């Protein structure tokens, strides 16, 4: 039997992204807590999190997350 594809509300996605932006946590740890794949959370970041940075968040992916796509510790 095939597993049904899960759908997530915009509020759920925003909460997960907020936890990465505002906390001192990795994408992987937030993804585990929400029981989603880290690449799924990364896709949400592309759509939601990057807008948050443009609208005033002081954190950037390059400074905050290690080992996730183009994010680095530099």
N, C-alpha and C. Protein backbone atom coordinates (compact mmCIF):
# COMPACT_ATOMS: atom_id res chain seq x y z
N UNK A 1 0.84 -1.18 0.00
CA UNK A 1 0.00 0.00 0.00
C UNK A 1 0.89 1.25 0.00
N UNK A 2 0.58 2.19 -0.86
CA UNK A 2 1.35 3.42 -0.95
C UNK A 2 1.06 4.34 0.22
N UNK A 3 2.11 5.03 0.64
CA UNK A 3 1.95 6.02 1.70
C UNK A 3 1.36 7.30 1.10
N UNK A 4 0.34 7.82 1.73
CA UNK A 4 -0.30 9.04 1.26
C UNK A 4 0.63 10.23 1.48
N UNK A 5 0.75 11.07 0.48
CA UNK A 5 1.59 12.25 0.57
C UNK A 5 0.99 13.23 1.58
N UNK A 6 1.81 13.66 2.52
CA UNK A 6 1.33 14.60 3.53
C UNK A 6 1.28 16.01 2.97
N UNK A 7 0.34 16.78 3.45
CA UNK A 7 0.24 18.18 3.09
C UNK A 7 0.33 19.00 4.37
N UNK A 8 1.03 20.12 4.28
CA UNK A 8 1.27 20.95 5.45
C UNK A 8 0.68 22.33 5.24
N UNK A 9 0.10 22.88 6.27
CA UNK A 9 -0.50 24.21 6.19
C UNK A 9 0.61 25.27 6.12
N UNK A 10 0.28 26.43 5.58
CA UNK A 10 1.26 27.53 5.56
C UNK A 10 1.73 27.90 6.97
N UNK A 11 0.85 27.79 7.95
CA UNK A 11 1.22 28.11 9.33
C UNK A 11 2.26 27.12 9.87
N UNK A 12 2.10 25.85 9.55
CA UNK A 12 3.06 24.82 9.96
C UNK A 12 4.42 25.12 9.36
N UNK A 13 4.45 25.44 8.07
CA UNK A 13 5.70 25.74 7.38
C UNK A 13 6.38 26.97 7.99
N UNK A 14 5.59 28.00 8.23
CA UNK A 14 6.14 29.23 8.79
C UNK A 14 6.72 28.99 10.19
N UNK A 15 6.06 28.17 10.98
CA UNK A 15 6.57 27.86 12.32
C UNK A 15 7.91 27.13 12.25
N UNK A 16 8.03 26.18 11.35
CA UNK A 16 9.29 25.45 11.21
C UNK A 16 10.41 26.39 10.76
N UNK A 17 10.13 27.25 9.80
CA UNK A 17 11.13 28.22 9.33
C UNK A 17 11.48 29.20 10.45
N UNK A 18 10.49 29.64 11.21
CA UNK A 18 10.73 30.57 12.31
C UNK A 18 11.69 29.97 13.34
N UNK A 19 11.52 28.68 13.60
CA UNK A 19 12.39 28.02 14.57
C UNK A 19 13.85 28.02 14.10
N UNK A 20 14.06 27.88 12.80
CA UNK A 20 15.42 27.92 12.27
C UNK A 20 15.96 29.34 12.33
N UNK A 21 15.14 30.31 11.94
CA UNK A 21 15.58 31.71 11.91
C UNK A 21 15.87 32.27 13.30
N UNK A 22 14.98 32.01 14.24
CA UNK A 22 15.08 32.66 15.54
C UNK A 22 15.87 31.86 16.56
N UNK A 23 15.97 30.58 16.38
CA UNK A 23 16.68 29.76 17.35
C UNK A 23 18.11 29.51 16.94
N UNK A 24 18.81 28.84 17.81
CA UNK A 24 20.19 28.47 17.51
C UNK A 24 20.21 26.98 17.18
N UNK A 25 19.40 26.60 16.19
CA UNK A 25 19.22 25.19 15.84
C UNK A 25 19.49 24.97 14.37
N UNK A 26 19.88 23.78 14.06
CA UNK A 26 20.13 23.43 12.67
C UNK A 26 18.82 23.07 11.97
N UNK A 27 18.86 23.14 10.66
CA UNK A 27 17.71 22.73 9.86
C UNK A 27 17.38 21.27 10.15
N UNK A 28 18.41 20.44 10.26
CA UNK A 28 18.19 19.01 10.50
C UNK A 28 17.49 18.77 11.83
N UNK A 29 17.87 19.48 12.88
CA UNK A 29 17.24 19.24 14.18
C UNK A 29 15.78 19.70 14.18
N UNK A 30 15.50 20.81 13.52
CA UNK A 30 14.11 21.27 13.42
C UNK A 30 13.30 20.28 12.59
N UNK A 31 13.87 19.81 11.50
CA UNK A 31 13.18 18.84 10.64
C UNK A 31 12.84 17.57 11.42
N UNK A 32 13.79 17.08 12.21
CA UNK A 32 13.52 15.89 13.02
C UNK A 32 12.38 16.13 14.00
N UNK A 33 12.38 17.28 14.63
CA UNK A 33 11.33 17.59 15.60
C UNK A 33 9.95 17.62 14.95
N UNK A 34 9.89 18.12 13.73
CA UNK A 34 8.62 18.21 13.01
C UNK A 34 8.32 16.95 12.19
N UNK A 35 9.20 15.97 12.25
CA UNK A 35 9.05 14.72 11.51
C UNK A 35 8.90 14.95 10.01
N UNK A 36 9.82 15.78 9.47
CA UNK A 36 9.88 16.02 8.04
C UNK A 36 11.32 15.86 7.59
N UNK A 37 11.53 15.71 6.30
CA UNK A 37 12.86 15.58 5.74
C UNK A 37 13.53 16.96 5.72
N UNK A 38 14.82 17.00 5.97
CA UNK A 38 15.55 18.27 5.97
C UNK A 38 15.48 18.96 4.61
N UNK A 39 15.45 18.19 3.53
CA UNK A 39 15.36 18.81 2.21
C UNK A 39 13.98 19.45 2.00
N UNK A 40 12.96 18.90 2.62
CA UNK A 40 11.63 19.51 2.56
C UNK A 40 11.65 20.86 3.25
N UNK A 41 12.26 20.90 4.42
CA UNK A 41 12.38 22.16 5.15
C UNK A 41 13.22 23.16 4.35
N UNK A 42 14.25 22.67 3.68
CA UNK A 42 15.06 23.54 2.83
C UNK A 42 14.26 24.14 1.70
N UNK A 43 13.37 23.37 1.13
CA UNK A 43 12.50 23.89 0.07
C UNK A 43 11.57 24.97 0.60
N UNK A 44 11.06 24.75 1.80
CA UNK A 44 10.21 25.76 2.41
C UNK A 44 11.00 27.03 2.66
N UNK A 45 12.25 26.86 3.09
CA UNK A 45 13.13 28.01 3.33
C UNK A 45 13.26 28.84 2.07
N UNK A 46 13.43 28.17 0.94
CA UNK A 46 13.58 28.88 -0.33
C UNK A 46 12.37 29.76 -0.60
N UNK A 47 11.19 29.26 -0.27
CA UNK A 47 9.98 30.02 -0.53
C UNK A 47 9.60 30.99 0.55
N UNK A 48 9.85 30.65 1.81
CA UNK A 48 9.36 31.46 2.93
C UNK A 48 10.50 32.15 3.67
N UNK A 49 11.52 31.40 4.05
CA UNK A 49 12.59 31.93 4.90
C UNK A 49 13.39 33.03 4.24
N UNK A 50 13.66 32.90 2.95
CA UNK A 50 14.44 33.94 2.28
C UNK A 50 13.66 35.26 2.25
N UNK A 51 12.33 35.18 2.17
CA UNK A 51 11.51 36.40 2.23
C UNK A 51 11.63 37.03 3.61
N UNK A 52 11.70 36.21 4.64
CA UNK A 52 11.82 36.73 6.01
C UNK A 52 13.10 37.52 6.17
N UNK A 53 14.17 37.06 5.53
CA UNK A 53 15.43 37.79 5.62
C UNK A 53 15.32 39.14 4.93
N UNK A 54 14.63 39.17 3.81
CA UNK A 54 14.49 40.43 3.08
C UNK A 54 13.60 41.42 3.84
N UNK A 55 12.77 40.91 4.74
CA UNK A 55 11.85 41.80 5.45
C UNK A 55 12.32 42.13 6.86
N UNK A 56 13.56 41.78 7.20
CA UNK A 56 14.05 42.29 8.47
C UNK A 56 14.76 41.34 9.40
N UNK A 57 14.79 40.06 9.17
CA UNK A 57 15.51 39.18 10.07
C UNK A 57 17.00 39.46 9.97
N UNK A 58 17.70 39.44 11.07
CA UNK A 58 19.13 39.74 11.06
C UNK A 58 20.00 38.53 10.77
N UNK A 59 19.40 37.36 10.65
CA UNK A 59 20.18 36.14 10.44
C UNK A 59 20.18 35.77 8.98
N UNK A 60 21.27 35.20 8.53
CA UNK A 60 21.35 34.77 7.14
C UNK A 60 21.78 33.32 7.08
N UNK A 61 21.39 32.59 6.05
CA UNK A 61 21.74 31.18 5.96
C UNK A 61 23.24 30.96 5.99
N UNK A 62 24.00 31.82 5.35
CA UNK A 62 25.44 31.65 5.30
C UNK A 62 26.10 31.75 6.66
N UNK A 63 25.47 32.45 7.60
CA UNK A 63 26.04 32.62 8.92
C UNK A 63 25.47 31.68 9.95
N UNK A 64 24.37 31.00 9.66
CA UNK A 64 23.68 30.31 10.73
C UNK A 64 23.64 28.80 10.62
N UNK A 65 23.73 28.24 9.47
CA UNK A 65 23.52 26.79 9.32
C UNK A 65 24.72 26.14 8.66
N UNK A 66 25.16 25.03 9.23
CA UNK A 66 26.29 24.30 8.69
C UNK A 66 25.80 23.08 7.90
N UNK A 67 26.47 22.80 6.80
CA UNK A 67 26.26 21.55 6.11
C UNK A 67 24.90 21.34 5.50
N UNK A 68 24.22 22.38 5.09
CA UNK A 68 22.93 22.21 4.43
C UNK A 68 22.97 22.98 3.12
N UNK A 69 23.17 22.26 2.03
CA UNK A 69 23.23 22.88 0.72
C UNK A 69 24.34 23.92 0.67
N UNK A 70 23.98 25.13 0.32
CA UNK A 70 24.99 26.18 0.20
C UNK A 70 25.23 26.91 1.52
N UNK A 71 24.57 26.49 2.57
CA UNK A 71 24.77 27.14 3.85
C UNK A 71 26.10 26.71 4.43
N UNK A 72 26.84 27.63 4.96
CA UNK A 72 28.14 27.30 5.52
C UNK A 72 28.35 28.08 6.82
N UNK A 73 29.50 27.85 7.45
CA UNK A 73 29.79 28.53 8.71
C UNK A 73 30.58 29.81 8.49
N UNK A 74 30.86 30.16 7.25
CA UNK A 74 31.64 31.36 6.96
C UNK A 74 30.92 32.62 7.32
